[in-house]
Amino acid sequence: RTQHYGELRIPAEIRYIQHTKDSGREIEPLVLSEIAAEVIDNMTPEVTYFIGPGSTTREIMSSLMLENTLLGVDVVRDNCLVAADATESELFEVTRSGPAKIVVTIIAGQGHLFGRGNQQFSSRVIRAVGIENIIVVSTKSKLKTLGNRPLIVDTGNVELDETLCGMMQVITGYEDAVFVRVVA
C-alpha cells in the first residue's frame, strides 16, 4: 500500500535527480534472462523465428536450450532449432513456408539495427517477414551507450529504410519495453 509522507524540495538542476523508475545499475545476466523469458513466453506456435546475432539474442537460444551461432542467424520453430547459421537465401526460402518473425538486437555504442553484422536480414527477407513482425531486444544499459542517439537501419534499400524509420518498441525486460527512434 502506498502512503503519502510529505513533500521535499529538490534541486532545480535535473541532472542531480535520479530518473523515475531508474533503479540504478542493471544486473546483466538477470536482465538478459528476463528479456529471453519475455520473448519465449510470447512465441506463437507454428511461427518461425529468425534469431539474429549477438549476446542478447544468444540468451534466448540458451533459455530454449538450443545451440547458438553467436555471429549468425538461427532459425527456431516450436522451440526447436530448424537451421543454424542460416544464409540470406535460406531465410528467404523459410518465409515462403509460413509466418516468420525476426528477433534482433542492436550494436552497442553504434545503434545499428539492420545493415551491420546481420546482412542475412536483407531487404527481401525483412519485407517477406513484414516490419510488424520485427522484435527488437536490448538491455537498457546497451541503449544508454547510444547517448540518446536513434537506432540506425541500412538495409541497402532506401524505400525499406524509410519505412522502418519512426518509433520502434524495444524489449528491455520481462513485460518491460521502451520506444526508440529509428533513422536511416
C-alpha atoms as a PDB file:
ATOM      1  CA  ARG A   1       0.000   0.000   0.000  1.00  0.00           C
ATOM      2  CA  THR A   2       1.160   3.464  -0.768  1.00  0.00           C
ATOM      3  CA  GLN A   3       1.073   6.252   1.764  1.00  0.00           C
ATOM      4  CA  HIS A   4       1.794   9.972   1.418  1.00  0.00           C
ATOM      5  CA  TYR A   5       4.554  11.024   3.809  1.00  0.00           C
ATOM      6  CA  GLY A   6       5.049  14.599   2.678  1.00  0.00           C
ATOM      7  CA  GLU A   7       6.899  16.745   0.201  1.00  0.00           C
ATOM      8  CA  LEU A   8      10.557  17.526  -0.257  1.00  0.00           C
ATOM      9  CA  ARG A   9      12.283  20.342  -2.078  1.00  0.00           C
ATOM     10  CA  ILE A  10      14.731  19.146  -4.713  1.00  0.00           C
ATOM     11  CA  PRO A  11      17.420  20.839  -6.809  1.00  0.00           C
ATOM     12  CA  ALA A  12      16.175  22.588  -9.937  1.00  0.00           C
ATOM     13  CA  GLU A  13      19.032  21.052 -11.972  1.00  0.00           C
ATOM     14  CA  ILE A  14      17.522  17.738 -13.130  1.00  0.00           C
ATOM     15  CA  ARG A  15      20.888  16.012 -13.679  1.00  0.00           C
ATOM     16  CA  TYR A  16      21.243  15.682  -9.900  1.00  0.00           C
ATOM     17  CA  ILE A  17      17.976  13.764  -9.610  1.00  0.00           C
ATOM     18  CA  GLN A  18      17.506  10.043 -10.212  1.00  0.00           C
ATOM     19  CA  HIS A  19      15.039   9.443 -13.033  1.00  0.00           C
ATOM     20  CA  THR A  20      11.667   7.952 -12.225  1.00  0.00           C
ATOM     21  CA  LYS A  21      11.789   4.142 -12.175  1.00  0.00           C
ATOM     22  CA  ASP A  22      15.545   4.205 -12.716  1.00  0.00           C
ATOM     23  CA  SER A  23      16.807   1.873 -10.051  1.00  0.00           C
ATOM     24  CA  GLY A  24      20.417   2.406 -10.966  1.00  0.00           C
ATOM     25  CA  ARG A  25      22.589  -0.404 -12.211  1.00  0.00           C
ATOM     26  CA  GLU A  26      21.342  -3.338 -14.261  1.00  0.00           C
ATOM     27  CA  ILE A  27      22.422  -6.842 -13.383  1.00  0.00           C
ATOM     28  CA  GLU A  28      23.213  -8.049 -16.902  1.00  0.00           C
ATOM     29  CA  PRO A  29      22.616 -11.830 -16.504  1.00  0.00           C
ATOM     30  CA  LEU A  30      19.264 -11.183 -14.814  1.00  0.00           C
ATOM     31  CA  VAL A  31      18.148  -8.653 -17.445  1.00  0.00           C
ATOM     32  CA  LEU A  32      19.164 -10.969 -20.300  1.00  0.00           C
ATOM     33  CA  SER A  33      17.217 -13.782 -18.664  1.00  0.00           C
ATOM     34  CA  GLU A  34      14.153 -11.526 -18.348  1.00  0.00           C
ATOM     35  CA  ILE A  35      14.379 -10.445 -21.992  1.00  0.00           C
ATOM     36  CA  ALA A  36      14.644 -14.082 -23.069  1.00  0.00           C
ATOM     37  CA  ALA A  37      11.657 -15.057 -20.917  1.00  0.00           C
ATOM     38  CA  GLU A  38       9.573 -12.233 -22.418  1.00  0.00           C
ATOM     39  CA  VAL A  39      10.366 -13.306 -25.977  1.00  0.00           C
ATOM     40  CA  ILE A  40       9.871 -17.014 -25.288  1.00  0.00           C
ATOM     41  CA  ASP A  41       6.588 -16.500 -23.400  1.00  0.00           C
ATOM     42  CA  ASN A  42       5.227 -14.608 -26.408  1.00  0.00           C
ATOM     43  CA  MET A  43       6.383 -17.037 -29.103  1.00  0.00           C
ATOM     44  CA  THR A  44       3.490 -18.224 -31.218  1.00  0.00           C
ATOM     45  CA  PRO A  45       3.214 -21.925 -32.124  1.00  0.00           C
ATOM     46  CA  GLU A  46       3.811 -22.743 -35.801  1.00  0.00           C
ATOM     47  CA  VAL A  47       5.591 -19.409 -36.370  1.00  0.00           C
ATOM     48  CA  THR A  48       9.244 -19.458 -37.390  1.00  0.00           C
ATOM     49  CA  TYR A  49      11.641 -17.165 -35.542  1.00  0.00           C
ATOM     50  CA  PHE A  50      14.878 -15.857 -37.032  1.00  0.00           C
ATOM     51  CA  ILE A  51      17.120 -15.259 -34.024  1.00  0.00           C
ATOM     52  CA  GLY A  52      19.738 -12.697 -35.022  1.00  0.00           C
ATOM     53  CA  PRO A  53      23.358 -12.470 -33.942  1.00  0.00           C
ATOM     54  CA  GLY A  54      24.557 -11.115 -30.604  1.00  0.00           C
ATOM     55  CA  SER A  55      24.921 -11.912 -26.947  1.00  0.00           C
ATOM     56  CA  THR A  56      21.449 -10.602 -26.084  1.00  0.00           C
ATOM     57  CA  THR A  57      19.757 -12.924 -28.557  1.00  0.00           C
ATOM     58  CA  ARG A  58      22.086 -15.762 -27.537  1.00  0.00           C
ATOM     59  CA  GLU A  59      20.339 -15.779 -24.159  1.00  0.00           C
ATOM     60  CA  ILE A  60      17.050 -16.586 -25.912  1.00  0.00           C
ATOM     61  CA  MET A  61      18.664 -19.625 -27.520  1.00  0.00           C
ATOM     62  CA  SER A  62      20.269 -20.651 -24.214  1.00  0.00           C
ATOM     63  CA  SER A  63      16.935 -20.396 -22.422  1.00  0.00           C
ATOM     64  CA  LEU A  64      15.422 -22.642 -25.091  1.00  0.00           C
ATOM     65  CA  MET A  65      18.394 -24.996 -24.531  1.00  0.00           C
ATOM     66  CA  LEU A  66      19.336 -24.770 -28.196  1.00  0.00           C
ATOM     67  CA  GLU A  67      22.725 -24.425 -29.857  1.00  0.00           C
ATOM     68  CA  ASN A  68      23.515 -20.843 -30.857  1.00  0.00           C
ATOM     69  CA  THR A  69      25.513 -19.219 -33.613  1.00  0.00           C
ATOM     70  CA  LEU A  70      26.763 -16.048 -31.908  1.00  0.00           C
ATOM     71  CA  LEU A  71      27.560 -14.231 -35.156  1.00  0.00           C
ATOM     72  CA  GLY A  72      24.910 -15.850 -37.372  1.00  0.00           C
ATOM     73  CA  VAL A  73      21.161 -16.194 -37.636  1.00  0.00           C
ATOM     74  CA  ASP A  74      19.488 -19.283 -36.206  1.00  0.00           C
ATOM     75  CA  VAL A  75      16.018 -20.463 -37.205  1.00  0.00           C
ATOM     76  CA  VAL A  76      13.642 -21.699 -34.486  1.00  0.00           C
ATOM     77  CA  ARG A  77      10.138 -23.105 -34.792  1.00  0.00           C
ATOM     78  CA  ASP A  78       8.074 -24.523 -31.921  1.00  0.00           C
ATOM     79  CA  ASN A  79      11.115 -24.272 -29.608  1.00  0.00           C
ATOM     80  CA  CYS A  80      13.212 -26.482 -31.922  1.00  0.00           C
ATOM     81  CA  LEU A  81      16.270 -25.500 -33.933  1.00  0.00           C
ATOM     82  CA  VAL A  82      15.394 -25.703 -37.626  1.00  0.00           C
ATOM     83  CA  ALA A  83      18.630 -24.261 -39.028  1.00  0.00           C
ATOM     84  CA  ALA A  84      21.856 -22.901 -37.575  1.00  0.00           C
ATOM     85  CA  ASP A  85      23.840 -20.062 -39.135  1.00  0.00           C
ATOM     86  CA  ALA A  86      21.295 -19.621 -41.927  1.00  0.00           C
ATOM     87  CA  THR A  87      22.136 -17.670 -45.066  1.00  0.00           C
ATOM     88  CA  GLU A  88      20.013 -14.897 -46.560  1.00  0.00           C
ATOM     89  CA  SER A  89      18.649 -17.226 -49.242  1.00  0.00           C
ATOM     90  CA  GLU A  90      17.773 -19.889 -46.640  1.00  0.00           C
ATOM     91  CA  LEU A  91      15.903 -17.306 -44.568  1.00  0.00           C
ATOM     92  CA  PHE A  92      14.009 -16.097 -47.619  1.00  0.00           C
ATOM     93  CA  GLU A  93      13.075 -19.674 -48.528  1.00  0.00           C
ATOM     94  CA  VAL A  94      11.719 -20.249 -44.985  1.00  0.00           C
ATOM     95  CA  THR A  95       9.457 -17.182 -45.312  1.00  0.00           C
ATOM     96  CA  ARG A  96       7.687 -18.925 -48.210  1.00  0.00           C
ATOM     97  CA  SER A  97       6.576 -21.806 -45.981  1.00  0.00           C
ATOM     98  CA  GLY A  98       4.635 -19.795 -43.407  1.00  0.00           C
ATOM     99  CA  PRO A  99       4.700 -16.889 -40.973  1.00  0.00           C
ATOM    100  CA  ALA A 100       8.026 -15.767 -39.544  1.00  0.00           C
ATOM    101  CA  LYS A 101       9.377 -13.175 -37.138  1.00  0.00           C
ATOM    102  CA  ILE A 102      12.788 -11.574 -36.781  1.00  0.00           C
ATOM    103  CA  VAL A 103      14.372 -11.207 -33.336  1.00  0.00           C
ATOM    104  CA  VAL A 104      17.256  -8.765 -33.479  1.00  0.00           C
ATOM    105  CA  THR A 105      19.364  -6.701 -31.101  1.00  0.00           C
ATOM    106  CA  ILE A 106      21.326  -3.517 -31.612  1.00  0.00           C
ATOM    107  CA  ILE A 107      25.061  -2.969 -31.774  1.00  0.00           C
ATOM    108  CA  ALA A 108      26.053  -1.228 -28.537  1.00  0.00           C
ATOM    109  CA  GLY A 109      27.610   2.180 -28.946  1.00  0.00           C
ATOM    110  CA  GLN A 110      26.654   2.339 -32.627  1.00  0.00           C
ATOM    111  CA  GLY A 111      22.930   1.636 -32.637  1.00  0.00           C
ATOM    112  CA  HIS A 112      22.780  -0.312 -35.883  1.00  0.00           C
ATOM    113  CA  LEU A 113      19.661  -2.422 -36.069  1.00  0.00           C
ATOM    114  CA  PHE A 114      19.973  -3.689 -39.647  1.00  0.00           C
ATOM    115  CA  GLY A 115      22.890  -3.471 -42.058  1.00  0.00           C
ATOM    116  CA  ARG A 116      25.871  -4.136 -39.798  1.00  0.00           C
ATOM    117  CA  GLY A 117      26.640  -7.654 -38.615  1.00  0.00           C
ATOM    118  CA  ASN A 118      23.340  -9.128 -39.759  1.00  0.00           C
ATOM    119  CA  GLN A 119      23.300  -8.858 -43.554  1.00  0.00           C
ATOM    120  CA  GLN A 120      21.316 -12.101 -43.667  1.00  0.00           C
ATOM    121  CA  PHE A 121      18.339  -9.840 -42.909  1.00  0.00           C
ATOM    122  CA  SER A 122      18.244  -8.425 -46.426  1.00  0.00           C
ATOM    123  CA  SER A 123      15.526  -6.119 -47.644  1.00  0.00           C
ATOM    124  CA  ARG A 124      13.704  -9.039 -49.292  1.00  0.00           C
ATOM    125  CA  VAL A 125      13.813 -11.105 -46.074  1.00  0.00           C
ATOM    126  CA  ILE A 126      12.562  -8.169 -43.992  1.00  0.00           C
ATOM    127  CA  ARG A 127       9.766  -7.448 -46.490  1.00  0.00           C
ATOM    128  CA  ALA A 128       8.782 -11.142 -46.607  1.00  0.00           C
ATOM    129  CA  VAL A 129       8.601 -11.278 -42.805  1.00  0.00           C
ATOM    130  CA  GLY A 130       6.870  -7.887 -42.506  1.00  0.00           C
ATOM    131  CA  ILE A 131       8.040  -4.951 -40.427  1.00  0.00           C
ATOM    132  CA  GLU A 132       5.244  -5.631 -37.933  1.00  0.00           C
ATOM    133  CA  ASN A 133       6.991  -8.962 -37.191  1.00  0.00           C
ATOM    134  CA  ILE A 134      10.317  -7.492 -36.104  1.00  0.00           C
ATOM    135  CA  ILE A 135      11.106  -7.959 -32.424  1.00  0.00           C
ATOM    136  CA  VAL A 136      13.918  -5.769 -31.106  1.00  0.00           C
ATOM    137  CA  VAL A 137      15.609  -6.674 -27.817  1.00  0.00           C
ATOM    138  CA  SER A 138      18.232  -4.784 -25.837  1.00  0.00           C
ATOM    139  CA  THR A 139      19.307  -4.101 -22.296  1.00  0.00           C
ATOM    140  CA  LYS A 140      18.753  -0.561 -21.074  1.00  0.00           C
ATOM    141  CA  SER A 141      22.478  -0.256 -20.431  1.00  0.00           C
ATOM    142  CA  LYS A 142      23.156  -1.032 -24.110  1.00  0.00           C
ATOM    143  CA  LEU A 143      20.631   1.619 -25.122  1.00  0.00           C
ATOM    144  CA  LYS A 144      22.332   4.108 -22.800  1.00  0.00           C
ATOM    145  CA  THR A 145      25.604   3.633 -24.694  1.00  0.00           C
ATOM    146  CA  LEU A 146      23.889   5.416 -27.584  1.00  0.00           C
ATOM    147  CA  GLY A 147      23.604   8.625 -25.600  1.00  0.00           C
ATOM    148  CA  ASN A 148      20.024   9.305 -26.827  1.00  0.00           C
ATOM    149  CA  ARG A 149      21.020   8.793 -30.467  1.00  0.00           C
ATOM    150  CA  PRO A 150      18.486   6.890 -32.594  1.00  0.00           C
ATOM    151  CA  LEU A 151      18.806   3.345 -33.902  1.00  0.00           C
ATOM    152  CA  ILE A 152      20.124   3.082 -37.465  1.00  0.00           C
ATOM    153  CA  VAL A 153      18.874   0.954 -40.352  1.00  0.00           C
ATOM    154  CA  ASP A 154      20.843   0.423 -43.549  1.00  0.00           C
ATOM    155  CA  THR A 155      19.274  -2.459 -45.447  1.00  0.00           C
ATOM    156  CA  GLY A 156      20.581  -1.337 -48.825  1.00  0.00           C
ATOM    157  CA  ASN A 157      17.030  -0.441 -49.871  1.00  0.00           C
ATOM    158  CA  VAL A 158      16.220   3.250 -49.352  1.00  0.00           C
ATOM    159  CA  GLU A 159      12.460   2.696 -49.542  1.00  0.00           C
ATOM    160  CA  LEU A 160      12.532  -0.034 -46.879  1.00  0.00           C
ATOM    161  CA  ASP A 161      14.855   2.038 -44.685  1.00  0.00           C
ATOM    162  CA  GLU A 162      12.358   4.911 -44.799  1.00  0.00           C
ATOM    163  CA  THR A 163       9.527   2.505 -43.932  1.00  0.00           C
ATOM    164  CA  LEU A 164      11.466   1.287 -40.886  1.00  0.00           C
ATOM    165  CA  CYS A 165      12.044   4.861 -39.650  1.00  0.00           C
ATOM    166  CA  GLY A 166       9.970   6.162 -36.762  1.00  0.00           C
ATOM    167  CA  MET A 167       9.412   4.809 -33.281  1.00  0.00           C
ATOM    168  CA  MET A 168      10.101   1.134 -32.623  1.00  0.00           C
ATOM    169  CA  GLN A 169       9.427  -0.882 -29.488  1.00  0.00           C
ATOM    170  CA  VAL A 170      12.492  -2.413 -27.841  1.00  0.00           C
ATOM    171  CA  ILE A 171      12.016  -5.174 -25.267  1.00  0.00           C
ATOM    172  CA  THR A 172      14.234  -4.372 -22.267  1.00  0.00           C
ATOM    173  CA  GLY A 173      12.991  -6.917 -19.711  1.00  0.00           C
ATOM    174  CA  TYR A 174      10.044  -9.061 -18.733  1.00  0.00           C
ATOM    175  CA  GLU A 175       6.882  -7.087 -19.550  1.00  0.00           C
ATOM    176  CA  ASP A 176       9.181  -4.077 -19.970  1.00  0.00           C
ATOM    177  CA  ALA A 177       9.823  -2.156 -23.161  1.00  0.00           C
ATOM    178  CA  VAL A 178      10.738   1.307 -24.380  1.00  0.00           C
ATOM    179  CA  PHE A 179      10.185   3.086 -27.658  1.00  0.00           C
ATOM    180  CA  VAL A 180      13.283   4.243 -29.511  1.00  0.00           C
ATOM    181  CA  ARG A 181      13.528   6.383 -32.637  1.00  0.00           C
ATOM    182  CA  VAL A 182      14.862   4.696 -35.774  1.00  0.00           C
ATOM    183  CA  VAL A 183      16.559   6.583 -38.636  1.00  0.00           C
ATOM    184  CA  ALA A 184      18.114   5.603 -41.950  1.00  0.00           C
END
